[in-house]
Amino acid sequence: MFKKTSFAFIAALIAAPAFSADVPITGTVQAKCSIFTDVQGVYGSPLPNTLSTAAADGGVDPIFRIDVAKAGYYIARVSTPTEFTSSPSLTDNITWTGTVEVSEVSDAGMSAYETNKVEYNNTTEYDLTIAGTTWFKASSKAEYGVDKSLPAGTYRSAVTVECVAK
């Protein structure tokens, strides 16, 4: 009887359904591309209907840098403003213009970034093919309506800078 019970117990264990579990694996990737603001931009107002970051217009162009630890893995995507992030109430259209350019590099080979940049709409892309630091300067100009003065107040906008993994 003991042999039959033991055999039945062992047979039941063998025939029991199999159980499974998913064991998680977690990893963290830290970007090898970092963005830093060196100079915040300031709008000057050379005309009642114009805001401009150009020094000749009383403004300051924003300057930012991108540090790349590993060459060839990132694209810098920079978009100049197409709207204010905050402003007084506006009743007419704003015409936006802006540019982005390489202003300083840590490696002479990076000078090709300016030649090889890709521009579309209000966006400029740079293929970051060399490890090191690249400084960029952006400009922004906003012109309000036709022969209309901008309302008094504080105007803010932003240059959007991204390191996009290839």
C-alpha atoms as a PDB file:
ATOM      1  CA  MET A   1       0.000   0.000   0.000  1.00  0.00           C
ATOM      2  CA  PHE A   2       2.855   2.356   0.877  1.00  0.00           C
ATOM      3  CA  LYS A   3       4.439   1.692  -2.552  1.00  0.00           C
ATOM      4  CA  LYS A   4       1.169   2.453  -4.342  1.00  0.00           C
ATOM      5  CA  THR A   5       0.692   5.717  -2.412  1.00  0.00           C
ATOM      6  CA  SER A   6       4.298   6.780  -3.028  1.00  0.00           C
ATOM      7  CA  PHE A   7       4.023   5.906  -6.691  1.00  0.00           C
ATOM      8  CA  ALA A   8       0.742   7.867  -7.021  1.00  0.00           C
ATOM      9  CA  PHE A   9       2.291  10.864  -5.279  1.00  0.00           C
ATOM     10  CA  ILE A  10       5.346  10.842  -7.563  1.00  0.00           C
ATOM     11  CA  ALA A  11       3.143  10.394 -10.634  1.00  0.00           C
ATOM     12  CA  ALA A  12       1.021  13.353  -9.532  1.00  0.00           C
ATOM     13  CA  LEU A  13       4.139  15.530  -9.210  1.00  0.00           C
ATOM     14  CA  ILE A  14       5.335  14.559 -12.644  1.00  0.00           C
ATOM     15  CA  ALA A  15       1.924  15.175 -14.202  1.00  0.00           C
ATOM     16  CA  ALA A  16       1.397  18.507 -12.381  1.00  0.00           C
ATOM     17  CA  PRO A  17       1.190  21.562 -14.634  1.00  0.00           C
ATOM     18  CA  ALA A  18       4.440  23.488 -15.157  1.00  0.00           C
ATOM     19  CA  PHE A  19       4.735  26.972 -13.676  1.00  0.00           C
ATOM     20  CA  SER A  20       6.680  29.866 -15.204  1.00  0.00           C
ATOM     21  CA  ALA A  21       7.714  33.345 -14.236  1.00  0.00           C
ATOM     22  CA  ASP A  22       9.092  36.367 -16.038  1.00  0.00           C
ATOM     23  CA  VAL A  23      12.237  37.633 -14.380  1.00  0.00           C
ATOM     24  CA  PRO A  24      12.791  41.345 -15.085  1.00  0.00           C
ATOM     25  CA  ILE A  25      16.028  42.809 -16.353  1.00  0.00           C
ATOM     26  CA  THR A  26      16.534  46.556 -16.043  1.00  0.00           C
ATOM     27  CA  GLY A  27      19.216  48.836 -17.445  1.00  0.00           C
ATOM     28  CA  THR A  28      19.782  52.570 -17.558  1.00  0.00           C
ATOM     29  CA  VAL A  29      21.276  54.431 -20.498  1.00  0.00           C
ATOM     30  CA  GLN A  30      22.818  57.799 -19.824  1.00  0.00           C
ATOM     31  CA  ALA A  31      23.077  60.161 -22.753  1.00  0.00           C
ATOM     32  CA  LYS A  32      26.517  60.796 -24.123  1.00  0.00           C
ATOM     33  CA  CYS A  33      25.274  64.133 -25.451  1.00  0.00           C
ATOM     34  CA  SER A  34      24.595  67.057 -23.087  1.00  0.00           C
ATOM     35  CA  ILE A  35      23.153  70.530 -23.693  1.00  0.00           C
ATOM     36  CA  PHE A  36      24.106  73.614 -21.672  1.00  0.00           C
ATOM     37  CA  THR A  37      22.998  77.250 -21.897  1.00  0.00           C
ATOM     38  CA  ASP A  38      25.967  79.632 -21.856  1.00  0.00           C
ATOM     39  CA  VAL A  39      24.164  82.918 -22.642  1.00  0.00           C
ATOM     40  CA  GLN A  40      20.428  83.528 -22.346  1.00  0.00           C
ATOM     41  CA  GLY A  41      18.911  85.483 -25.206  1.00  0.00           C
ATOM     42  CA  VAL A  42      17.399  88.945 -24.811  1.00  0.00           C
ATOM     43  CA  TYR A  43      15.037  90.707 -27.198  1.00  0.00           C
ATOM     44  CA  GLY A  44      15.768  94.291 -28.149  1.00  0.00           C
ATOM     45  CA  SER A  45      13.047  96.424 -29.707  1.00  0.00           C
ATOM     46  CA  PRO A  46      14.553  98.565 -32.469  1.00  0.00           C
ATOM     47  CA  LEU A  47      11.104  99.446 -33.886  1.00  0.00           C
ATOM     48  CA  PRO A  48       7.664  99.526 -32.233  1.00  0.00           C
ATOM     49  CA  ASN A  49       6.614  96.394 -34.156  1.00  0.00           C
ATOM     50  CA  THR A  50       9.865  94.389 -33.896  1.00  0.00           C
ATOM     51  CA  LEU A  51      11.657  92.249 -31.340  1.00  0.00           C
ATOM     52  CA  SER A  52      15.132  91.006 -32.234  1.00  0.00           C
ATOM     53  CA  THR A  53      18.035  89.268 -30.502  1.00  0.00           C
ATOM     54  CA  ALA A  54      20.575  90.968 -32.824  1.00  0.00           C
ATOM     55  CA  ALA A  55      23.150  93.108 -31.027  1.00  0.00           C
ATOM     56  CA  ALA A  56      22.552  95.920 -33.553  1.00  0.00           C
ATOM     57  CA  ASP A  57      18.902  95.948 -32.394  1.00  0.00           C
ATOM     58  CA  GLY A  58      19.782  96.056 -28.688  1.00  0.00           C
ATOM     59  CA  GLY A  59      19.344  92.311 -28.174  1.00  0.00           C
ATOM     60  CA  VAL A  60      21.534  89.394 -27.171  1.00  0.00           C
ATOM     61  CA  ASP A  61      21.702  86.169 -29.192  1.00  0.00           C
ATOM     62  CA  PRO A  62      21.391  83.028 -27.048  1.00  0.00           C
ATOM     63  CA  ILE A  63      24.488  80.827 -27.011  1.00  0.00           C
ATOM     64  CA  PHE A  64      24.405  77.179 -25.999  1.00  0.00           C
ATOM     65  CA  ARG A  65      26.851  74.322 -26.196  1.00  0.00           C
ATOM     66  CA  ILE A  66      26.525  70.645 -26.893  1.00  0.00           C
ATOM     67  CA  ASP A  67      29.051  68.230 -25.394  1.00  0.00           C
ATOM     68  CA  VAL A  68      29.366  64.874 -27.159  1.00  0.00           C
ATOM     69  CA  ALA A  69      31.264  62.054 -25.446  1.00  0.00           C
ATOM     70  CA  LYS A  70      30.910  59.544 -28.304  1.00  0.00           C
ATOM     71  CA  ALA A  71      31.237  60.701 -31.905  1.00  0.00           C
ATOM     72  CA  GLY A  72      28.807  59.720 -34.636  1.00  0.00           C
ATOM     73  CA  TYR A  73      25.834  58.734 -32.489  1.00  0.00           C
ATOM     74  CA  TYR A  74      23.842  61.998 -32.303  1.00  0.00           C
ATOM     75  CA  ILE A  75      22.242  64.718 -34.381  1.00  0.00           C
ATOM     76  CA  ALA A  76      21.743  68.176 -32.904  1.00  0.00           C
ATOM     77  CA  ARG A  77      18.296  69.521 -33.802  1.00  0.00           C
ATOM     78  CA  VAL A  78      17.785  73.225 -33.103  1.00  0.00           C
ATOM     79  CA  SER A  79      14.497  75.046 -33.694  1.00  0.00           C
ATOM     80  CA  THR A  80      14.176  78.813 -33.488  1.00  0.00           C
ATOM     81  CA  PRO A  81      10.928  80.253 -32.069  1.00  0.00           C
ATOM     82  CA  THR A  82       7.684  80.379 -34.038  1.00  0.00           C
ATOM     83  CA  GLU A  83       5.585  81.658 -31.140  1.00  0.00           C
ATOM     84  CA  PHE A  84       5.928  83.375 -27.817  1.00  0.00           C
ATOM     85  CA  THR A  85       5.846  81.189 -24.728  1.00  0.00           C
ATOM     86  CA  SER A  86       4.311  84.192 -22.980  1.00  0.00           C
ATOM     87  CA  SER A  87       3.371  87.687 -24.107  1.00  0.00           C
ATOM     88  CA  PRO A  88       0.677  90.322 -23.769  1.00  0.00           C
ATOM     89  CA  SER A  89      -2.492  89.631 -25.741  1.00  0.00           C
ATOM     90  CA  LEU A  90      -1.823  89.976 -29.477  1.00  0.00           C
ATOM     91  CA  THR A  91      -4.484  90.606 -32.114  1.00  0.00           C
ATOM     92  CA  ASP A  92      -2.383  90.342 -35.261  1.00  0.00           C
ATOM     93  CA  ASN A  93       0.056  87.886 -36.834  1.00  0.00           C
ATOM     94  CA  ILE A  94       3.734  87.601 -35.995  1.00  0.00           C
ATOM     95  CA  THR A  95       6.287  86.985 -38.744  1.00  0.00           C
ATOM     96  CA  TRP A  96       9.178  84.942 -37.340  1.00  0.00           C
ATOM     97  CA  THR A  97      12.704  84.615 -38.682  1.00  0.00           C
ATOM     98  CA  GLY A  98      15.677  82.965 -37.059  1.00  0.00           C
ATOM     99  CA  THR A  99      19.050  81.412 -37.736  1.00  0.00           C
ATOM    100  CA  VAL A 100      21.423  78.998 -36.044  1.00  0.00           C
ATOM    101  CA  GLU A 101      25.172  78.861 -36.579  1.00  0.00           C
ATOM    102  CA  VAL A 102      28.244  77.224 -35.097  1.00  0.00           C
ATOM    103  CA  SER A 103      30.071  79.909 -33.139  1.00  0.00           C
ATOM    104  CA  GLU A 104      32.981  77.976 -31.581  1.00  0.00           C
ATOM    105  CA  VAL A 105      34.371  74.425 -31.591  1.00  0.00           C
ATOM    106  CA  SER A 106      36.759  72.353 -29.470  1.00  0.00           C
ATOM    107  CA  ASP A 107      38.096  70.445 -32.493  1.00  0.00           C
ATOM    108  CA  ALA A 108      39.029  71.994 -35.845  1.00  0.00           C
ATOM    109  CA  GLY A 109      37.207  69.205 -37.714  1.00  0.00           C
ATOM    110  CA  MET A 110      33.916  70.464 -36.286  1.00  0.00           C
ATOM    111  CA  SER A 111      34.110  73.509 -38.549  1.00  0.00           C
ATOM    112  CA  ALA A 112      32.495  71.288 -41.203  1.00  0.00           C
ATOM    113  CA  TYR A 113      29.303  71.233 -39.111  1.00  0.00           C
ATOM    114  CA  GLU A 114      28.317  74.673 -40.385  1.00  0.00           C
ATOM    115  CA  THR A 115      28.948  73.704 -44.013  1.00  0.00           C
ATOM    116  CA  ASN A 116      27.059  70.419 -43.709  1.00  0.00           C
ATOM    117  CA  LYS A 117      24.061  71.609 -41.690  1.00  0.00           C
ATOM    118  CA  VAL A 118      20.551  70.841 -42.915  1.00  0.00           C
ATOM    119  CA  GLU A 119      17.931  73.586 -42.671  1.00  0.00           C
ATOM    120  CA  TYR A 120      14.155  73.269 -43.038  1.00  0.00           C
ATOM    121  CA  ASN A 121      11.292  75.423 -41.769  1.00  0.00           C
ATOM    122  CA  ASN A 122      12.617  76.932 -38.519  1.00  0.00           C
ATOM    123  CA  THR A 123      14.872  73.925 -37.755  1.00  0.00           C
ATOM    124  CA  THR A 124      18.592  73.319 -38.295  1.00  0.00           C
ATOM    125  CA  GLU A 125      20.242  69.907 -37.907  1.00  0.00           C
ATOM    126  CA  TYR A 126      23.911  69.120 -37.364  1.00  0.00           C
ATOM    127  CA  ASP A 127      25.422  65.628 -37.579  1.00  0.00           C
ATOM    128  CA  LEU A 128      27.706  65.476 -34.529  1.00  0.00           C
ATOM    129  CA  THR A 129      30.458  63.320 -36.019  1.00  0.00           C
ATOM    130  CA  ILE A 130      33.287  64.355 -33.666  1.00  0.00           C
ATOM    131  CA  ALA A 131      33.490  63.987 -29.884  1.00  0.00           C
ATOM    132  CA  GLY A 132      33.947  67.280 -28.046  1.00  0.00           C
ATOM    133  CA  THR A 133      32.163  70.578 -27.477  1.00  0.00           C
ATOM    134  CA  THR A 134      30.406  72.747 -30.041  1.00  0.00           C
ATOM    135  CA  TRP A 135      28.987  76.180 -29.248  1.00  0.00           C
ATOM    136  CA  PHE A 136      26.009  77.430 -31.236  1.00  0.00           C
ATOM    137  CA  LYS A 137      24.478  80.886 -31.574  1.00  0.00           C
ATOM    138  CA  ALA A 138      20.828  81.360 -32.473  1.00  0.00           C
ATOM    139  CA  SER A 139      19.000  84.496 -33.531  1.00  0.00           C
ATOM    140  CA  SER A 140      15.318  85.306 -33.391  1.00  0.00           C
ATOM    141  CA  LYS A 141      13.267  88.129 -34.860  1.00  0.00           C
ATOM    142  CA  ALA A 142       9.544  88.724 -34.490  1.00  0.00           C
ATOM    143  CA  GLU A 143       7.699  91.355 -36.528  1.00  0.00           C
ATOM    144  CA  TYR A 144       4.139  92.244 -35.566  1.00  0.00           C
ATOM    145  CA  GLY A 145       1.394  92.920 -38.089  1.00  0.00           C
ATOM    146  CA  VAL A 146       1.676  95.709 -40.620  1.00  0.00           C
ATOM    147  CA  ASP A 147       2.478  99.107 -39.119  1.00  0.00           C
ATOM    148  CA  LYS A 148       1.216  98.005 -35.685  1.00  0.00           C
ATOM    149  CA  SER A 149       3.020  98.534 -32.422  1.00  0.00           C
ATOM    150  CA  LEU A 150       3.573  95.598 -30.112  1.00  0.00           C
ATOM    151  CA  PRO A 151       1.618  96.005 -26.849  1.00  0.00           C
ATOM    152  CA  ALA A 152       3.766  96.930 -23.831  1.00  0.00           C
ATOM    153  CA  GLY A 153       4.823  94.004 -21.685  1.00  0.00           C
ATOM    154  CA  THR A 154       7.235  91.122 -21.355  1.00  0.00           C
ATOM    155  CA  TYR A 155       7.739  88.763 -24.276  1.00  0.00           C
ATOM    156  CA  ARG A 156       9.297  85.322 -23.932  1.00  0.00           C
ATOM    157  CA  SER A 157      10.150  82.627 -26.455  1.00  0.00           C
ATOM    158  CA  ALA A 158      12.535  79.678 -26.533  1.00  0.00           C
ATOM    159  CA  VAL A 159      15.028  78.022 -28.825  1.00  0.00           C
ATOM    160  CA  THR A 160      14.464  74.251 -28.675  1.00  0.00           C
ATOM    161  CA  VAL A 161      17.676  72.210 -28.663  1.00  0.00           C
ATOM    162  CA  GLU A 162      17.704  68.412 -28.853  1.00  0.00           C
ATOM    163  CA  CYS A 163      20.325  65.680 -29.077  1.00  0.00           C
ATOM    164  CA  VAL A 164      18.657  63.007 -31.160  1.00  0.00           C
ATOM    165  CA  ALA A 165      20.136  59.514 -31.162  1.00  0.00           C
ATOM    166  CA  LYS A 166      20.800  58.204 -34.681  1.00  0.00           C
END
